[in-house]
Amino acid sequence: MTTGPKTVARPATLEGWLQALTGAMTCTHRPNGTSYWHLSEAAYWEPIRDDLSAVCMAAHREEFPNDWRWEAINDLANQLLVWSEADSDVWEADRFRDVSFSIADDLADHGTCQLAAWLSDHAGRAEFEDPSLVEGLTPNLFTLMRWRQCEELQLMAEVLISRFEDLLPD
């Protein structure tokens, strides 16, 4: 009896989708020494590749292709799992949303040069999605850049959570 290659089953929980995403992510090194994250082309992921790809494209928030976004998607998915796996209960979307700011704050850059480079990579990153976050405040430029990156990471986490929630069985 011959069997075909093993493939992944369709996840039934948010945690399962996050695990699938982190499992499907792979890091490739370029000849110039830099590296980038992307979805694996392995046949194992074929049954859910289109869904994972659609979620990743949505998380790029119209900045595709973008190395920073791919790395952030990988980091966000891994950190969402770290937070949820410490609990024996299955997490619903709201539990993931409750920790998304803490995760974004942990992942945001701390160096002024890193933040400035991130901001200069795409002009659209200069504006807050929610201007009320800084309304009436007069923080320094470093703080503004870091808050903006935190906001962007949290928005990306929300995309991952919402899109995977939409893929769950009814």
N, C-alpha and C. Protein backbone atom coordinates (compact mmCIF):
# COMPACT_ATOMS: atom_id res chain seq x y z
N MET A 1 0.84 -1.18 0.00
CA MET A 1 0.00 0.00 0.00
C MET A 1 0.88 1.24 0.00
N THR A 2 0.64 2.15 -0.93
CA THR A 2 1.42 3.38 -1.03
C THR A 2 0.61 4.54 -0.50
N THR A 3 1.25 5.33 0.30
CA THR A 3 0.58 6.52 0.81
C THR A 3 1.28 7.75 0.28
N GLY A 4 0.53 8.81 0.09
CA GLY A 4 1.10 10.07 -0.39
C GLY A 4 1.79 10.80 0.74
N PRO A 5 2.33 11.95 0.42
CA PRO A 5 3.01 12.73 1.46
C PRO A 5 2.01 13.19 2.52
N LYS A 6 2.49 13.26 3.75
CA LYS A 6 1.65 13.74 4.84
C LYS A 6 1.38 15.23 4.66
N THR A 7 0.17 15.64 5.04
CA THR A 7 -0.20 17.05 4.97
C THR A 7 -0.83 17.46 6.29
N VAL A 8 -0.89 18.74 6.50
CA VAL A 8 -1.43 19.30 7.73
C VAL A 8 -2.95 19.25 7.70
N ALA A 9 -3.54 19.03 8.87
CA ALA A 9 -5.00 19.09 9.00
C ALA A 9 -5.42 20.54 9.20
N ARG A 10 -6.63 20.85 8.82
CA ARG A 10 -7.17 22.21 9.00
C ARG A 10 -7.37 22.47 10.49
N PRO A 11 -6.73 23.52 11.04
CA PRO A 11 -6.87 23.81 12.47
C PRO A 11 -8.31 24.16 12.85
N ALA A 12 -8.67 23.84 14.10
CA ALA A 12 -10.03 24.10 14.59
C ALA A 12 -10.06 25.15 15.69
N THR A 13 -8.88 25.68 16.05
CA THR A 13 -8.79 26.72 17.09
C THR A 13 -7.87 27.84 16.62
N LEU A 14 -7.97 28.98 17.28
CA LEU A 14 -7.03 30.07 16.98
C LEU A 14 -5.60 29.64 17.27
N GLU A 15 -5.41 28.96 18.38
CA GLU A 15 -4.08 28.47 18.71
C GLU A 15 -3.56 27.53 17.62
N GLY A 16 -4.43 26.69 17.11
CA GLY A 16 -4.04 25.78 16.04
C GLY A 16 -3.61 26.52 14.79
N TRP A 17 -4.34 27.59 14.44
CA TRP A 17 -3.95 28.40 13.27
C TRP A 17 -2.62 29.11 13.52
N LEU A 18 -2.43 29.63 14.73
CA LEU A 18 -1.15 30.29 15.04
C LEU A 18 0.00 29.29 14.99
N GLN A 19 -0.24 28.07 15.49
CA GLN A 19 0.78 27.03 15.42
C GLN A 19 1.09 26.68 13.97
N ALA A 20 0.04 26.59 13.16
CA ALA A 20 0.25 26.29 11.74
C ALA A 20 1.06 27.40 11.08
N LEU A 21 0.72 28.64 11.38
CA LEU A 21 1.46 29.76 10.78
C LEU A 21 2.92 29.72 11.18
N THR A 22 3.20 29.55 12.46
CA THR A 22 4.60 29.53 12.89
C THR A 22 5.34 28.33 12.30
N GLY A 23 4.63 27.22 12.14
CA GLY A 23 5.25 26.05 11.54
C GLY A 23 5.53 26.23 10.06
N ALA A 24 4.67 26.98 9.40
CA ALA A 24 4.82 27.18 7.95
C ALA A 24 5.81 28.28 7.60
N MET A 25 6.18 29.10 8.57
CA MET A 25 7.14 30.18 8.29
C MET A 25 8.55 29.60 8.18
N THR A 26 9.29 30.13 7.25
CA THR A 26 10.68 29.70 7.08
C THR A 26 11.55 30.92 6.80
N CYS A 27 12.78 30.83 7.22
CA CYS A 27 13.73 31.93 7.03
C CYS A 27 14.71 31.53 5.93
N THR A 28 14.86 32.41 4.95
CA THR A 28 15.78 32.17 3.84
C THR A 28 16.86 33.24 3.84
N HIS A 29 18.08 32.80 3.55
CA HIS A 29 19.22 33.72 3.55
C HIS A 29 19.56 34.11 2.12
N ARG A 30 19.79 35.38 1.92
CA ARG A 30 20.16 35.91 0.60
C ARG A 30 21.69 35.84 0.45
N PRO A 31 22.16 35.90 -0.78
CA PRO A 31 23.61 35.88 -1.01
C PRO A 31 24.34 37.05 -0.34
N ASN A 32 23.65 38.18 -0.13
CA ASN A 32 24.32 39.33 0.48
C ASN A 32 24.38 39.24 2.01
N GLY A 33 23.90 38.12 2.57
CA GLY A 33 23.98 37.92 4.02
C GLY A 33 22.72 38.29 4.78
N THR A 34 21.79 38.97 4.14
CA THR A 34 20.54 39.30 4.82
C THR A 34 19.61 38.09 4.75
N SER A 35 18.57 38.12 5.53
CA SER A 35 17.62 37.02 5.53
C SER A 35 16.20 37.57 5.54
N TYR A 36 15.25 36.72 5.22
CA TYR A 36 13.86 37.13 5.22
C TYR A 36 12.97 35.94 5.53
N TRP A 37 11.80 36.23 6.11
CA TRP A 37 10.80 35.22 6.44
C TRP A 37 9.76 35.15 5.35
N HIS A 38 9.20 33.96 5.15
CA HIS A 38 8.12 33.74 4.18
C HIS A 38 7.46 32.41 4.49
N LEU A 39 6.36 32.13 3.80
CA LEU A 39 5.69 30.84 3.97
C LEU A 39 6.45 29.76 3.21
N SER A 40 6.57 28.63 3.84
CA SER A 40 7.23 27.48 3.23
C SER A 40 6.47 27.00 2.00
N GLU A 41 7.20 26.50 1.04
CA GLU A 41 6.59 25.92 -0.16
C GLU A 41 6.40 24.41 -0.02
N ALA A 42 6.71 23.85 1.14
CA ALA A 42 6.62 22.41 1.36
C ALA A 42 5.19 21.92 1.11
N ALA A 43 5.07 20.77 0.49
CA ALA A 43 3.76 20.19 0.16
C ALA A 43 2.92 19.97 1.41
N TYR A 44 3.55 19.78 2.53
CA TYR A 44 2.84 19.53 3.79
C TYR A 44 1.79 20.61 4.07
N TRP A 45 2.08 21.85 3.71
CA TRP A 45 1.21 22.99 4.02
C TRP A 45 0.14 23.24 2.96
N GLU A 46 0.15 22.48 1.89
CA GLU A 46 -0.75 22.72 0.76
C GLU A 46 -2.23 22.86 1.14
N PRO A 47 -2.79 22.02 2.03
CA PRO A 47 -4.22 22.14 2.33
C PRO A 47 -4.64 23.49 2.94
N ILE A 48 -3.71 24.18 3.58
CA ILE A 48 -4.06 25.47 4.22
C ILE A 48 -3.21 26.63 3.73
N ARG A 49 -2.37 26.39 2.73
CA ARG A 49 -1.46 27.43 2.25
C ARG A 49 -2.20 28.69 1.79
N ASP A 50 -3.29 28.52 1.05
CA ASP A 50 -4.03 29.69 0.56
C ASP A 50 -4.58 30.52 1.72
N ASP A 51 -5.09 29.85 2.75
CA ASP A 51 -5.60 30.57 3.92
C ASP A 51 -4.47 31.29 4.65
N LEU A 52 -3.36 30.61 4.87
CA LEU A 52 -2.22 31.24 5.54
C LEU A 52 -1.71 32.42 4.73
N SER A 53 -1.64 32.24 3.43
CA SER A 53 -1.17 33.32 2.55
C SER A 53 -2.10 34.52 2.61
N ALA A 54 -3.40 34.29 2.59
CA ALA A 54 -4.37 35.39 2.66
C ALA A 54 -4.26 36.15 3.98
N VAL A 55 -4.07 35.44 5.06
CA VAL A 55 -3.90 36.08 6.37
C VAL A 55 -2.62 36.92 6.39
N CYS A 56 -1.54 36.37 5.87
CA CYS A 56 -0.27 37.11 5.83
C CYS A 56 -0.37 38.35 4.94
N MET A 57 -1.05 38.22 3.81
CA MET A 57 -1.21 39.38 2.93
C MET A 57 -2.02 40.46 3.64
N ALA A 58 -3.06 40.08 4.35
CA ALA A 58 -3.87 41.06 5.09
C ALA A 58 -3.03 41.73 6.17
N ALA A 59 -2.18 40.96 6.84
CA ALA A 59 -1.33 41.51 7.91
C ALA A 59 -0.26 42.44 7.36
N HIS A 60 0.02 42.36 6.08
CA HIS A 60 0.98 43.29 5.48
C HIS A 60 0.41 44.71 5.37
N ARG A 61 -0.90 44.83 5.51
CA ARG A 61 -1.57 46.12 5.51
C ARG A 61 -1.09 47.00 4.33
N GLU A 62 -1.17 46.43 3.15
CA GLU A 62 -0.85 47.12 1.90
C GLU A 62 0.63 47.48 1.74
N GLU A 63 1.49 46.83 2.48
CA GLU A 63 2.94 47.00 2.32
C GLU A 63 3.53 45.67 1.89
N PHE A 64 3.22 45.24 0.69
CA PHE A 64 3.70 43.94 0.27
C PHE A 64 4.52 44.07 -1.00
N PRO A 65 5.61 43.39 -1.13
CA PRO A 65 6.28 42.56 -0.13
C PRO A 65 7.09 43.42 0.83
N ASN A 66 7.27 42.95 2.01
CA ASN A 66 7.98 43.74 3.00
C ASN A 66 8.62 42.82 4.04
N ASP A 67 9.95 42.83 4.11
CA ASP A 67 10.67 41.96 5.03
C ASP A 67 10.30 42.22 6.48
N TRP A 68 10.14 43.50 6.86
CA TRP A 68 9.80 43.81 8.25
C TRP A 68 8.45 43.19 8.60
N ARG A 69 7.49 43.28 7.69
CA ARG A 69 6.16 42.71 7.94
C ARG A 69 6.23 41.20 8.13
N TRP A 70 6.95 40.51 7.26
CA TRP A 70 7.06 39.06 7.40
C TRP A 70 7.67 38.67 8.74
N GLU A 71 8.72 39.36 9.12
CA GLU A 71 9.35 39.05 10.41
C GLU A 71 8.40 39.35 11.56
N ALA A 72 7.67 40.47 11.46
CA ALA A 72 6.71 40.83 12.50
C ALA A 72 5.59 39.80 12.60
N ILE A 73 5.11 39.31 11.47
CA ILE A 73 4.06 38.28 11.47
C ILE A 73 4.56 37.05 12.21
N ASN A 74 5.76 36.62 11.89
CA ASN A 74 6.35 35.46 12.56
C ASN A 74 6.49 35.72 14.06
N ASP A 75 7.03 36.87 14.44
CA ASP A 75 7.22 37.20 15.86
C ASP A 75 5.90 37.32 16.60
N LEU A 76 4.92 37.97 15.99
CA LEU A 76 3.61 38.12 16.63
C LEU A 76 2.95 36.76 16.86
N ALA A 77 2.95 35.92 15.85
CA ALA A 77 2.33 34.59 16.00
C ALA A 77 3.02 33.79 17.10
N ASN A 78 4.35 33.83 17.11
CA ASN A 78 5.09 33.11 18.15
C ASN A 78 4.77 33.65 19.54
N GLN A 79 4.73 34.96 19.69
CA GLN A 79 4.46 35.54 21.01
C GLN A 79 3.02 35.33 21.46
N LEU A 80 2.08 35.38 20.53
CA LEU A 80 0.69 35.07 20.90
C LEU A 80 0.61 33.64 21.45
N LEU A 81 1.34 32.73 20.84
CA LEU A 81 1.38 31.35 21.33
C LEU A 81 2.05 31.24 22.69
N VAL A 82 3.13 31.97 22.89
CA VAL A 82 3.82 31.93 24.18
C VAL A 82 2.86 32.32 25.29
N TRP A 83 2.10 33.37 25.06
CA TRP A 83 1.15 33.84 26.08
C TRP A 83 0.04 32.82 26.30
N SER A 84 -0.48 32.24 25.24
CA SER A 84 -1.63 31.33 25.39
C SER A 84 -1.22 29.95 25.90
N GLU A 85 -0.05 29.49 25.54
CA GLU A 85 0.35 28.15 25.93
C GLU A 85 0.66 28.02 27.41
N ALA A 86 0.83 29.13 28.08
CA ALA A 86 1.05 29.10 29.52
C ALA A 86 -0.24 28.75 30.27
N ASP A 87 -1.36 28.81 29.58
CA ASP A 87 -2.68 28.56 30.16
C ASP A 87 -3.21 27.24 29.60
N SER A 88 -3.78 26.41 30.45
CA SER A 88 -4.30 25.13 29.98
C SER A 88 -5.63 25.27 29.24
N ASP A 89 -6.32 26.39 29.42
CA ASP A 89 -7.58 26.63 28.73
C ASP A 89 -7.33 27.06 27.28
N VAL A 90 -8.25 26.72 26.40
CA VAL A 90 -8.18 27.17 25.01
C VAL A 90 -8.57 28.64 24.98
N TRP A 91 -7.75 29.45 24.35
CA TRP A 91 -8.01 30.88 24.28
C TRP A 91 -8.94 31.22 23.13
N GLU A 92 -9.89 32.08 23.42
CA GLU A 92 -10.76 32.66 22.40
C GLU A 92 -10.09 33.94 21.90
N ALA A 93 -10.65 34.52 20.87
CA ALA A 93 -10.06 35.71 20.24
C ALA A 93 -9.86 36.86 21.23
N ASP A 94 -10.82 37.09 22.11
CA ASP A 94 -10.71 38.20 23.06
C ASP A 94 -9.53 38.07 24.00
N ARG A 95 -9.17 36.85 24.39
CA ARG A 95 -7.99 36.65 25.25
C ARG A 95 -6.73 37.06 24.50
N PHE A 96 -6.66 36.71 23.22
CA PHE A 96 -5.50 37.11 22.41
C PHE A 96 -5.47 38.62 22.25
N ARG A 97 -6.62 39.23 22.03
CA ARG A 97 -6.67 40.69 21.89
C ARG A 97 -6.23 41.38 23.17
N ASP A 98 -6.57 40.80 24.32
CA ASP A 98 -6.20 41.40 25.61
C ASP A 98 -4.70 41.51 25.81
N VAL A 99 -3.93 40.62 25.19
CA VAL A 99 -2.47 40.64 25.38
C VAL A 99 -1.73 41.24 24.19
N SER A 100 -2.46 41.61 23.14
CA SER A 100 -1.79 42.07 21.92
C SER A 100 -0.98 43.34 22.13
N PHE A 101 -1.43 44.27 23.00
CA PHE A 101 -0.63 45.47 23.21
C PHE A 101 0.67 45.13 23.94
N SER A 102 0.59 44.27 24.95
CA SER A 102 1.81 43.88 25.68
C SER A 102 2.81 43.22 24.74
N ILE A 103 2.31 42.39 23.84
CA ILE A 103 3.19 41.73 22.87
C ILE A 103 3.79 42.76 21.93
N ALA A 104 2.98 43.68 21.43
CA ALA A 104 3.48 44.72 20.53
C ALA A 104 4.54 45.56 21.23
N ASP A 105 4.30 45.90 22.49
CA ASP A 105 5.27 46.69 23.25
C ASP A 105 6.58 45.92 23.43
N ASP A 106 6.49 44.61 23.65
CA ASP A 106 7.70 43.79 23.79
C ASP A 106 8.48 43.69 22.48
N LEU A 107 7.77 43.66 21.36
CA LEU A 107 8.42 43.47 20.06
C LEU A 107 8.92 44.76 19.42
N ALA A 108 8.38 45.89 19.82
CA ALA A 108 8.77 47.16 19.20
C ALA A 108 10.25 47.45 19.46
N ASP A 109 10.87 48.07 18.48
CA ASP A 109 12.29 48.43 18.59
C ASP A 109 12.52 49.42 19.71
N HIS A 110 13.74 49.39 20.24
CA HIS A 110 14.13 50.31 21.31
C HIS A 110 15.21 51.29 20.87
N GLY A 111 15.74 51.11 19.68
CA GLY A 111 16.81 51.99 19.20
C GLY A 111 16.27 53.07 18.29
N THR A 112 16.72 54.29 18.49
CA THR A 112 16.27 55.42 17.68
C THR A 112 16.58 55.19 16.20
N CYS A 113 17.77 54.69 15.89
CA CYS A 113 18.14 54.45 14.49
C CYS A 113 17.26 53.36 13.87
N GLN A 114 16.95 52.31 14.63
CA GLN A 114 16.07 51.24 14.11
C GLN A 114 14.68 51.80 13.83
N LEU A 115 14.16 52.58 14.75
CA LEU A 115 12.82 53.15 14.58
C LEU A 115 12.79 54.13 13.41
N ALA A 116 13.82 54.95 13.29
CA ALA A 116 13.87 55.91 12.18
C ALA A 116 13.96 55.17 10.84
N ALA A 117 14.74 54.10 10.79
CA ALA A 117 14.84 53.30 9.56
C ALA A 117 13.49 52.66 9.24
N TRP A 118 12.82 52.14 10.26
CA TRP A 118 11.50 51.54 10.06
C TRP A 118 10.52 52.57 9.49
N LEU A 119 10.55 53.76 10.07
CA LEU A 119 9.65 54.83 9.63
C LEU A 119 9.98 55.26 8.21
N SER A 120 11.26 55.35 7.88
CA SER A 120 11.65 55.83 6.55
C SER A 120 11.41 54.79 5.46
N ASP A 121 11.23 53.52 5.84
CA ASP A 121 10.97 52.47 4.84
C ASP A 121 9.62 52.63 4.14
N HIS A 122 8.68 53.29 4.79
CA HIS A 122 7.35 53.46 4.18
C HIS A 122 6.72 54.72 4.76
N ALA A 123 6.47 55.70 3.92
CA ALA A 123 5.96 57.00 4.37
C ALA A 123 4.63 56.89 5.11
N GLY A 124 3.82 55.90 4.77
CA GLY A 124 2.52 55.73 5.42
C GLY A 124 2.61 55.39 6.89
N ARG A 125 3.78 54.98 7.34
CA ARG A 125 3.95 54.63 8.75
C ARG A 125 4.02 55.85 9.66
N ALA A 126 4.14 57.03 9.07
CA ALA A 126 4.32 58.25 9.87
C ALA A 126 3.05 58.70 10.58
N GLU A 127 1.90 58.24 10.11
CA GLU A 127 0.64 58.69 10.70
C GLU A 127 0.04 57.60 11.58
N PHE A 128 -0.47 58.03 12.72
CA PHE A 128 -1.15 57.10 13.61
C PHE A 128 -2.50 56.72 13.01
N GLU A 129 -2.82 55.46 13.09
CA GLU A 129 -4.14 54.99 12.67
C GLU A 129 -5.20 55.59 13.60
N ASP A 130 -4.84 55.68 14.88
CA ASP A 130 -5.73 56.26 15.89
C ASP A 130 -5.03 57.48 16.48
N PRO A 131 -5.27 58.68 15.92
CA PRO A 131 -4.58 59.89 16.38
C PRO A 131 -4.84 60.22 17.86
N SER A 132 -5.90 59.68 18.42
CA SER A 132 -6.20 59.97 19.83
C SER A 132 -5.13 59.39 20.76
N LEU A 133 -4.31 58.47 20.24
CA LEU A 133 -3.24 57.90 21.06
C LEU A 133 -2.23 58.95 21.52
N VAL A 134 -2.08 60.00 20.72
CA VAL A 134 -1.09 61.03 21.04
C VAL A 134 -1.69 62.43 21.18
N GLU A 135 -3.00 62.50 21.07
CA GLU A 135 -3.68 63.79 21.14
C GLU A 135 -3.40 64.47 22.48
N GLY A 136 -2.96 65.72 22.40
CA GLY A 136 -2.70 66.50 23.59
C GLY A 136 -1.38 66.19 24.29
N LEU A 137 -0.61 65.25 23.76
CA LEU A 137 0.67 64.88 24.36
C LEU A 137 1.80 65.55 23.58
N THR A 138 2.91 65.75 24.23
CA THR A 138 4.07 66.32 23.55
C THR A 138 5.30 65.45 23.80
N PRO A 139 5.24 64.18 23.37
CA PRO A 139 6.40 63.30 23.58
C PRO A 139 7.51 63.63 22.60
N ASN A 140 8.71 63.15 22.91
CA ASN A 140 9.83 63.37 22.01
C ASN A 140 9.69 62.47 20.77
N LEU A 141 10.53 62.71 19.78
CA LEU A 141 10.44 62.00 18.51
C LEU A 141 10.63 60.49 18.71
N PHE A 142 11.57 60.08 19.53
CA PHE A 142 11.79 58.66 19.79
C PHE A 142 10.52 58.01 20.31
N THR A 143 9.88 58.63 21.28
CA THR A 143 8.66 58.08 21.88
C THR A 143 7.55 57.99 20.84
N LEU A 144 7.41 59.00 20.02
CA LEU A 144 6.38 58.98 18.97
C LEU A 144 6.61 57.82 17.99
N MET A 145 7.87 57.65 17.58
CA MET A 145 8.17 56.57 16.63
C MET A 145 7.89 55.21 17.27
N ARG A 146 8.27 55.05 18.52
CA ARG A 146 8.05 53.77 19.20
C ARG A 146 6.56 53.51 19.39
N TRP A 147 5.81 54.52 19.81
CA TRP A 147 4.36 54.35 19.97
C TRP A 147 3.72 53.97 18.64
N ARG A 148 4.20 54.60 17.56
CA ARG A 148 3.63 54.31 16.25
C ARG A 148 3.92 52.86 15.85
N GLN A 149 5.15 52.40 16.12
CA GLN A 149 5.47 51.02 15.79
C GLN A 149 4.66 50.05 16.66
N CYS A 150 4.48 50.38 17.93
CA CYS A 150 3.62 49.55 18.80
C CYS A 150 2.21 49.47 18.23
N GLU A 151 1.69 50.62 17.80
CA GLU A 151 0.35 50.63 17.24
C GLU A 151 0.29 49.72 16.00
N GLU A 152 1.29 49.82 15.15
CA GLU A 152 1.30 49.02 13.92
C GLU A 152 1.37 47.53 14.24
N LEU A 153 2.20 47.16 15.20
CA LEU A 153 2.29 45.75 15.59
C LEU A 153 0.97 45.26 16.18
N GLN A 154 0.33 46.09 16.97
CA GLN A 154 -0.95 45.69 17.55
C GLN A 154 -2.02 45.54 16.46
N LEU A 155 -2.01 46.44 15.48
CA LEU A 155 -2.95 46.32 14.36
C LEU A 155 -2.70 45.03 13.58
N MET A 156 -1.45 44.68 13.38
CA MET A 156 -1.12 43.44 12.69
C MET A 156 -1.58 42.23 13.49
N ALA A 157 -1.39 42.28 14.81
CA ALA A 157 -1.86 41.18 15.67
C ALA A 157 -3.37 41.04 15.55
N GLU A 158 -4.07 42.16 15.51
CA GLU A 158 -5.53 42.13 15.36
C GLU A 158 -5.93 41.48 14.03
N VAL A 159 -5.18 41.77 12.97
CA VAL A 159 -5.47 41.14 11.68
C VAL A 159 -5.30 39.63 11.80
N LEU A 160 -4.20 39.18 12.39
CA LEU A 160 -3.98 37.74 12.55
C LEU A 160 -5.12 37.11 13.33
N ILE A 161 -5.47 37.70 14.45
CA ILE A 161 -6.52 37.15 15.31
C ILE A 161 -7.86 37.12 14.57
N SER A 162 -8.24 38.23 13.98
CA SER A 162 -9.54 38.32 13.30
C SER A 162 -9.64 37.38 12.10
N ARG A 163 -8.59 37.36 11.30
CA ARG A 163 -8.63 36.52 10.10
C ARG A 163 -8.65 35.03 10.47
N PHE A 164 -7.87 34.65 11.48
CA PHE A 164 -7.90 33.25 11.90
C PHE A 164 -9.24 32.92 12.57
N GLU A 165 -9.80 33.86 13.29
CA GLU A 165 -11.11 33.64 13.90
C GLU A 165 -12.15 33.38 12.80
N ASP A 166 -12.06 34.10 11.70
CA ASP A 166 -12.98 33.90 10.57
C ASP A 166 -12.85 32.51 9.94
N LEU A 167 -11.69 31.88 10.10
CA LEU A 167 -11.46 30.56 9.51
C LEU A 167 -11.92 29.41 10.40
N LEU A 168 -12.34 29.72 11.62
CA LEU A 168 -12.76 28.68 12.55
C LEU A 168 -14.11 28.10 12.13
N PRO A 169 -14.29 26.80 12.40
CA PRO A 169 -15.60 26.21 12.08
C PRO A 169 -16.70 26.84 12.95
N ASP A 170 -17.90 26.89 12.41
CA ASP A 170 -19.02 27.50 13.16
C ASP A 170 -19.46 26.69 14.35
